[in-house]
Amino acid sequence: MTPVSDRKQPDMLNTHTSVLARRVRIDADFATLPYEAGWASEALLFTQVEGAHPELTITTEVSPDGINWIARGEPQTLHEDGSIAESPLTVFGNWIRLVIRGATPERPARVLVHVSLKG
């Protein structure tokens, strides 16, 4: 029988949560700052809104260099009666960000964006 101390233990995953936008008032297309997340194997981005807002379209984007961006995954819709949406990612390289569209000067939104990473 193998002693408990000699048995291979599963690797502990690392987790990390960061704020990408904190209560930012938007009235046009908005992109978070690039976030370097190459160590992680999955990311879950949360978009929250405070107060009244128009319907918002949330697109996750990935980049090889933090400068040039391509959309990844299905865009999420945050309806006017909603307050939070999630955008999951599993294959994303190194840099990630969110783009939020739908706010206007007449119909602004106040957003919070968090990224939760695991790997």
N, C-alpha and C. Protein backbone atom coordinates (compact mmCIF):
# COMPACT_ATOMS: atom_id res chain seq x y z
N MET A 1 0.85 -1.18 0.00
CA MET A 1 0.00 0.00 0.00
C MET A 1 0.89 1.25 0.00
N THR A 2 0.54 2.23 -0.84
CA THR A 2 1.32 3.46 -0.95
C THR A 2 0.97 4.40 0.21
N PRO A 3 2.00 4.89 0.93
CA PRO A 3 1.71 5.84 2.00
C PRO A 3 1.04 7.10 1.45
N VAL A 4 0.21 7.71 2.26
CA VAL A 4 -0.51 8.92 1.84
C VAL A 4 0.46 9.99 1.38
N SER A 5 1.59 10.14 2.04
CA SER A 5 2.54 11.21 1.69
C SER A 5 3.17 10.99 0.32
N ASP A 6 3.15 9.74 -0.22
CA ASP A 6 3.73 9.46 -1.53
C ASP A 6 2.73 9.56 -2.67
N ARG A 7 1.48 9.72 -2.37
CA ARG A 7 0.46 9.81 -3.41
C ARG A 7 0.52 11.17 -4.09
N LYS A 8 0.34 11.18 -5.40
CA LYS A 8 0.32 12.46 -6.14
C LYS A 8 -0.94 13.21 -5.80
N GLN A 9 -0.77 14.42 -5.34
CA GLN A 9 -1.90 15.29 -5.02
C GLN A 9 -2.24 16.12 -6.25
N PRO A 10 -3.52 16.41 -6.48
CA PRO A 10 -3.87 17.27 -7.61
C PRO A 10 -3.29 18.67 -7.40
N ASP A 11 -2.89 19.29 -8.51
CA ASP A 11 -2.35 20.64 -8.43
C ASP A 11 -3.44 21.61 -8.00
N MET A 12 -3.09 22.52 -7.12
CA MET A 12 -4.01 23.55 -6.66
C MET A 12 -4.10 24.62 -7.74
N LEU A 13 -5.30 24.99 -8.13
CA LEU A 13 -5.49 26.05 -9.11
C LEU A 13 -5.30 27.40 -8.45
N ASN A 14 -4.77 28.35 -9.22
CA ASN A 14 -4.68 29.73 -8.76
C ASN A 14 -5.92 30.47 -9.22
N THR A 15 -6.39 31.39 -8.40
CA THR A 15 -7.50 32.26 -8.80
C THR A 15 -7.13 33.70 -8.52
N HIS A 16 -7.74 34.57 -9.28
CA HIS A 16 -7.47 36.01 -9.12
C HIS A 16 -8.67 36.78 -9.66
N THR A 17 -9.08 37.81 -8.94
CA THR A 17 -10.16 38.68 -9.40
C THR A 17 -9.65 40.12 -9.43
N SER A 18 -9.94 40.82 -10.51
CA SER A 18 -9.56 42.22 -10.65
C SER A 18 -10.73 43.05 -11.15
N VAL A 19 -10.69 44.32 -10.83
CA VAL A 19 -11.69 45.28 -11.31
C VAL A 19 -11.12 45.94 -12.57
N LEU A 20 -11.86 45.85 -13.67
CA LEU A 20 -11.42 46.48 -14.92
C LEU A 20 -12.07 47.85 -15.12
N ALA A 21 -13.22 48.07 -14.54
CA ALA A 21 -13.91 49.36 -14.61
C ALA A 21 -14.75 49.49 -13.35
N ARG A 22 -14.62 50.59 -12.64
CA ARG A 22 -15.35 50.78 -11.39
C ARG A 22 -16.26 51.99 -11.49
N ARG A 23 -17.56 51.72 -11.62
CA ARG A 23 -18.58 52.76 -11.66
C ARG A 23 -18.29 53.84 -12.72
N VAL A 24 -17.91 53.38 -13.89
CA VAL A 24 -17.58 54.28 -15.00
C VAL A 24 -18.86 54.66 -15.72
N ARG A 25 -19.08 55.96 -15.90
CA ARG A 25 -20.25 56.43 -16.65
C ARG A 25 -19.88 56.42 -18.12
N ILE A 26 -20.67 55.69 -18.92
CA ILE A 26 -20.39 55.62 -20.35
C ILE A 26 -21.57 56.20 -21.13
N ASP A 27 -21.27 56.89 -22.23
CA ASP A 27 -22.31 57.44 -23.08
C ASP A 27 -21.98 57.23 -24.57
N ALA A 28 -21.11 56.24 -24.81
CA ALA A 28 -20.71 55.84 -26.17
C ALA A 28 -20.07 54.46 -26.04
N ASP A 29 -19.56 53.92 -27.15
CA ASP A 29 -18.87 52.65 -27.07
C ASP A 29 -17.72 52.76 -26.07
N PHE A 30 -17.52 51.71 -25.28
CA PHE A 30 -16.52 51.73 -24.21
C PHE A 30 -15.75 50.42 -24.23
N ALA A 31 -14.42 50.51 -24.09
CA ALA A 31 -13.58 49.32 -23.96
C ALA A 31 -12.78 49.43 -22.67
N THR A 32 -12.72 48.33 -21.93
CA THR A 32 -11.88 48.33 -20.73
C THR A 32 -10.42 48.39 -21.16
N LEU A 33 -9.55 48.71 -20.24
CA LEU A 33 -8.13 48.64 -20.51
C LEU A 33 -7.74 47.18 -20.75
N PRO A 34 -6.70 46.92 -21.54
CA PRO A 34 -6.26 45.54 -21.75
C PRO A 34 -5.83 44.92 -20.42
N TYR A 35 -6.11 43.63 -20.27
CA TYR A 35 -5.73 42.93 -19.06
C TYR A 35 -4.93 41.69 -19.45
N GLU A 36 -3.73 41.56 -18.90
CA GLU A 36 -2.85 40.44 -19.21
C GLU A 36 -3.23 39.24 -18.35
N ALA A 37 -3.61 38.15 -18.99
CA ALA A 37 -4.12 37.00 -18.27
C ALA A 37 -3.60 35.68 -18.84
N GLY A 38 -2.42 35.70 -19.43
CA GLY A 38 -1.89 34.53 -20.11
C GLY A 38 -1.67 33.32 -19.23
N TRP A 39 -1.50 33.50 -17.94
CA TRP A 39 -1.27 32.37 -17.03
C TRP A 39 -2.55 31.56 -16.78
N ALA A 40 -3.70 32.19 -17.00
CA ALA A 40 -4.98 31.56 -16.64
C ALA A 40 -5.48 30.64 -17.76
N SER A 41 -6.24 29.63 -17.36
CA SER A 41 -6.84 28.73 -18.35
C SER A 41 -8.30 29.09 -18.62
N GLU A 42 -8.88 29.89 -17.74
CA GLU A 42 -10.25 30.36 -17.98
C GLU A 42 -10.45 31.73 -17.33
N ALA A 43 -11.35 32.47 -17.93
CA ALA A 43 -11.69 33.79 -17.43
C ALA A 43 -13.21 33.93 -17.45
N LEU A 44 -13.72 34.60 -16.44
CA LEU A 44 -15.14 34.92 -16.40
C LEU A 44 -15.23 36.42 -16.12
N LEU A 45 -15.78 37.16 -17.08
CA LEU A 45 -15.91 38.60 -16.93
C LEU A 45 -17.35 38.93 -16.56
N PHE A 46 -17.51 39.78 -15.57
CA PHE A 46 -18.82 40.21 -15.10
C PHE A 46 -19.01 41.68 -15.43
N THR A 47 -20.14 42.01 -16.03
CA THR A 47 -20.49 43.41 -16.28
C THR A 47 -21.73 43.71 -15.45
N GLN A 48 -21.63 44.69 -14.58
CA GLN A 48 -22.76 45.13 -13.76
C GLN A 48 -23.10 46.56 -14.13
N VAL A 49 -24.36 46.92 -13.99
CA VAL A 49 -24.78 48.30 -14.20
C VAL A 49 -25.52 48.79 -12.97
N GLU A 50 -25.38 50.08 -12.72
CA GLU A 50 -26.09 50.72 -11.62
C GLU A 50 -27.13 51.66 -12.19
N GLY A 51 -28.35 51.52 -11.76
CA GLY A 51 -29.41 52.43 -12.19
C GLY A 51 -29.93 52.12 -13.57
N ALA A 52 -30.71 53.07 -14.08
CA ALA A 52 -31.34 52.93 -15.40
C ALA A 52 -30.25 52.93 -16.48
N HIS A 53 -30.50 52.13 -17.53
CA HIS A 53 -29.54 52.03 -18.63
C HIS A 53 -30.26 51.50 -19.86
N PRO A 54 -29.69 51.77 -21.04
CA PRO A 54 -30.25 51.18 -22.26
C PRO A 54 -29.82 49.72 -22.39
N GLU A 55 -30.35 49.03 -23.37
CA GLU A 55 -29.87 47.68 -23.66
C GLU A 55 -28.40 47.79 -24.09
N LEU A 56 -27.56 46.95 -23.50
CA LEU A 56 -26.12 47.00 -23.79
C LEU A 56 -25.68 45.68 -24.42
N THR A 57 -24.77 45.78 -25.39
CA THR A 57 -24.16 44.61 -26.00
C THR A 57 -22.72 44.54 -25.51
N ILE A 58 -22.36 43.36 -24.98
CA ILE A 58 -21.05 43.18 -24.36
C ILE A 58 -20.28 42.15 -25.18
N THR A 59 -19.12 42.54 -25.69
CA THR A 59 -18.30 41.68 -26.51
C THR A 59 -16.95 41.48 -25.83
N THR A 60 -16.53 40.23 -25.73
CA THR A 60 -15.20 39.92 -25.21
C THR A 60 -14.23 39.94 -26.38
N GLU A 61 -13.07 40.55 -26.17
CA GLU A 61 -12.05 40.61 -27.21
C GLU A 61 -10.73 40.07 -26.68
N VAL A 62 -9.93 39.48 -27.58
CA VAL A 62 -8.62 38.95 -27.25
C VAL A 62 -7.58 39.58 -28.16
N SER A 63 -6.31 39.54 -27.70
CA SER A 63 -5.25 40.20 -28.44
C SER A 63 -3.92 39.48 -28.20
N PRO A 64 -3.07 39.43 -29.23
CA PRO A 64 -1.75 38.85 -29.02
C PRO A 64 -0.78 39.84 -28.38
N ASP A 65 -1.11 41.14 -28.45
CA ASP A 65 -0.15 42.16 -28.02
C ASP A 65 -0.75 43.28 -27.18
N GLY A 66 -2.06 43.25 -26.90
CA GLY A 66 -2.69 44.31 -26.13
C GLY A 66 -3.01 45.55 -26.96
N ILE A 67 -2.80 45.46 -28.28
CA ILE A 67 -3.03 46.60 -29.17
C ILE A 67 -4.06 46.26 -30.25
N ASN A 68 -3.89 45.13 -30.89
CA ASN A 68 -4.78 44.68 -31.97
C ASN A 68 -5.76 43.65 -31.40
N TRP A 69 -7.07 43.87 -31.66
CA TRP A 69 -8.11 43.11 -30.98
C TRP A 69 -9.02 42.39 -31.96
N ILE A 70 -9.49 41.19 -31.54
CA ILE A 70 -10.52 40.47 -32.28
C ILE A 70 -11.57 39.99 -31.28
N ALA A 71 -12.81 39.96 -31.75
CA ALA A 71 -13.90 39.49 -30.90
C ALA A 71 -13.76 37.99 -30.66
N ARG A 72 -14.11 37.55 -29.45
CA ARG A 72 -14.04 36.12 -29.10
C ARG A 72 -15.32 35.72 -28.38
N GLY A 73 -15.93 34.63 -28.81
CA GLY A 73 -17.14 34.15 -28.17
C GLY A 73 -18.37 34.91 -28.65
N GLU A 74 -19.49 34.56 -28.05
CA GLU A 74 -20.77 35.18 -28.40
C GLU A 74 -20.97 36.47 -27.60
N PRO A 75 -21.39 37.57 -28.26
CA PRO A 75 -21.71 38.78 -27.51
C PRO A 75 -22.86 38.51 -26.53
N GLN A 76 -22.84 39.17 -25.41
CA GLN A 76 -23.89 39.06 -24.40
C GLN A 76 -24.76 40.31 -24.47
N THR A 77 -26.03 40.16 -24.16
CA THR A 77 -26.94 41.29 -24.12
C THR A 77 -27.38 41.51 -22.69
N LEU A 78 -27.22 42.74 -22.23
CA LEU A 78 -27.71 43.12 -20.91
C LEU A 78 -28.93 44.00 -21.15
N HIS A 79 -30.11 43.42 -20.95
CA HIS A 79 -31.36 44.12 -21.22
C HIS A 79 -31.59 45.25 -20.22
N GLU A 80 -32.48 46.15 -20.56
CA GLU A 80 -32.75 47.32 -19.73
C GLU A 80 -33.18 46.96 -18.32
N ASP A 81 -33.84 45.82 -18.16
CA ASP A 81 -34.29 45.42 -16.82
C ASP A 81 -33.27 44.53 -16.10
N GLY A 82 -32.11 44.29 -16.71
CA GLY A 82 -31.07 43.47 -16.09
C GLY A 82 -30.04 44.33 -15.38
N SER A 83 -29.26 43.69 -14.50
CA SER A 83 -28.24 44.44 -13.79
C SER A 83 -26.86 43.78 -13.85
N ILE A 84 -26.78 42.52 -14.33
CA ILE A 84 -25.48 41.86 -14.41
C ILE A 84 -25.48 40.85 -15.54
N ALA A 85 -24.32 40.72 -16.20
CA ALA A 85 -24.14 39.74 -17.28
C ALA A 85 -22.77 39.11 -17.11
N GLU A 86 -22.63 37.88 -17.60
CA GLU A 86 -21.34 37.20 -17.55
C GLU A 86 -20.86 36.89 -18.95
N SER A 87 -19.54 36.91 -19.12
CA SER A 87 -18.91 36.59 -20.39
C SER A 87 -17.78 35.61 -20.13
N PRO A 88 -17.99 34.31 -20.38
CA PRO A 88 -16.95 33.32 -20.12
C PRO A 88 -15.97 33.18 -21.30
N LEU A 89 -14.70 32.88 -20.97
CA LEU A 89 -13.66 32.65 -21.97
C LEU A 89 -12.80 31.47 -21.55
N THR A 90 -12.43 30.62 -22.50
CA THR A 90 -11.50 29.55 -22.16
C THR A 90 -10.26 29.52 -23.03
N VAL A 91 -10.32 29.94 -24.26
CA VAL A 91 -9.12 29.97 -25.11
C VAL A 91 -8.91 31.41 -25.52
N PHE A 92 -7.89 32.05 -24.94
CA PHE A 92 -7.77 33.49 -25.17
C PHE A 92 -6.35 34.01 -25.26
N GLY A 93 -5.34 33.22 -25.24
CA GLY A 93 -3.99 33.76 -25.38
C GLY A 93 -3.58 34.55 -24.16
N ASN A 94 -3.18 35.80 -24.36
CA ASN A 94 -2.58 36.57 -23.26
C ASN A 94 -3.39 37.78 -22.82
N TRP A 95 -3.92 38.55 -23.75
CA TRP A 95 -4.59 39.80 -23.41
C TRP A 95 -6.10 39.69 -23.63
N ILE A 96 -6.88 40.24 -22.71
CA ILE A 96 -8.34 40.24 -22.83
C ILE A 96 -8.89 41.61 -22.46
N ARG A 97 -10.10 41.90 -22.95
CA ARG A 97 -10.83 43.11 -22.57
C ARG A 97 -12.29 42.92 -22.93
N LEU A 98 -13.14 43.84 -22.46
CA LEU A 98 -14.56 43.86 -22.82
C LEU A 98 -14.85 45.15 -23.57
N VAL A 99 -15.75 45.06 -24.54
CA VAL A 99 -16.26 46.23 -25.24
C VAL A 99 -17.76 46.28 -24.98
N ILE A 100 -18.25 47.43 -24.55
CA ILE A 100 -19.67 47.60 -24.23
C ILE A 100 -20.23 48.65 -25.17
N ARG A 101 -21.30 48.27 -25.88
CA ARG A 101 -21.94 49.18 -26.84
C ARG A 101 -23.41 49.35 -26.47
N GLY A 102 -23.96 50.51 -26.84
CA GLY A 102 -25.39 50.75 -26.65
C GLY A 102 -25.70 52.00 -25.85
N ALA A 103 -24.74 52.48 -25.06
CA ALA A 103 -24.97 53.70 -24.30
C ALA A 103 -24.84 54.92 -25.22
N THR A 104 -25.63 55.94 -24.93
CA THR A 104 -25.60 57.19 -25.70
C THR A 104 -25.62 58.36 -24.71
N PRO A 105 -25.35 59.58 -25.20
CA PRO A 105 -25.47 60.73 -24.29
C PRO A 105 -26.88 60.86 -23.70
N GLU A 106 -27.91 60.47 -24.47
CA GLU A 106 -29.28 60.55 -23.98
C GLU A 106 -29.62 59.39 -23.04
N ARG A 107 -28.96 58.25 -23.21
CA ARG A 107 -29.20 57.04 -22.41
C ARG A 107 -27.86 56.47 -21.94
N PRO A 108 -27.21 57.11 -20.97
CA PRO A 108 -25.92 56.62 -20.49
C PRO A 108 -26.09 55.41 -19.57
N ALA A 109 -24.97 54.86 -19.16
CA ALA A 109 -24.97 53.74 -18.22
C ALA A 109 -23.77 53.91 -17.28
N ARG A 110 -23.92 53.42 -16.06
CA ARG A 110 -22.80 53.39 -15.11
C ARG A 110 -22.44 51.91 -14.93
N VAL A 111 -21.18 51.53 -15.32
CA VAL A 111 -20.80 50.12 -15.36
C VAL A 111 -19.66 49.79 -14.40
N LEU A 112 -19.69 48.55 -13.98
CA LEU A 112 -18.60 47.94 -13.21
C LEU A 112 -18.23 46.67 -13.95
N VAL A 113 -16.94 46.42 -14.14
CA VAL A 113 -16.50 45.22 -14.83
C VAL A 113 -15.44 44.54 -13.96
N HIS A 114 -15.66 43.26 -13.67
CA HIS A 114 -14.71 42.43 -12.94
C HIS A 114 -14.28 41.28 -13.83
N VAL A 115 -13.04 40.84 -13.65
CA VAL A 115 -12.56 39.63 -14.30
C VAL A 115 -12.13 38.66 -13.20
N SER A 116 -12.57 37.43 -13.33
CA SER A 116 -12.20 36.37 -12.40
C SER A 116 -11.44 35.33 -13.21
N LEU A 117 -10.18 35.08 -12.83
CA LEU A 117 -9.30 34.18 -13.57
C LEU A 117 -8.99 32.93 -12.76
N LYS A 118 -8.81 31.81 -13.46
CA LYS A 118 -8.46 30.55 -12.80
C LYS A 118 -7.50 29.79 -13.71
N GLY A 119 -6.49 29.21 -13.12
CA GLY A 119 -5.56 28.43 -13.91
C GLY A 119 -4.52 27.74 -13.08
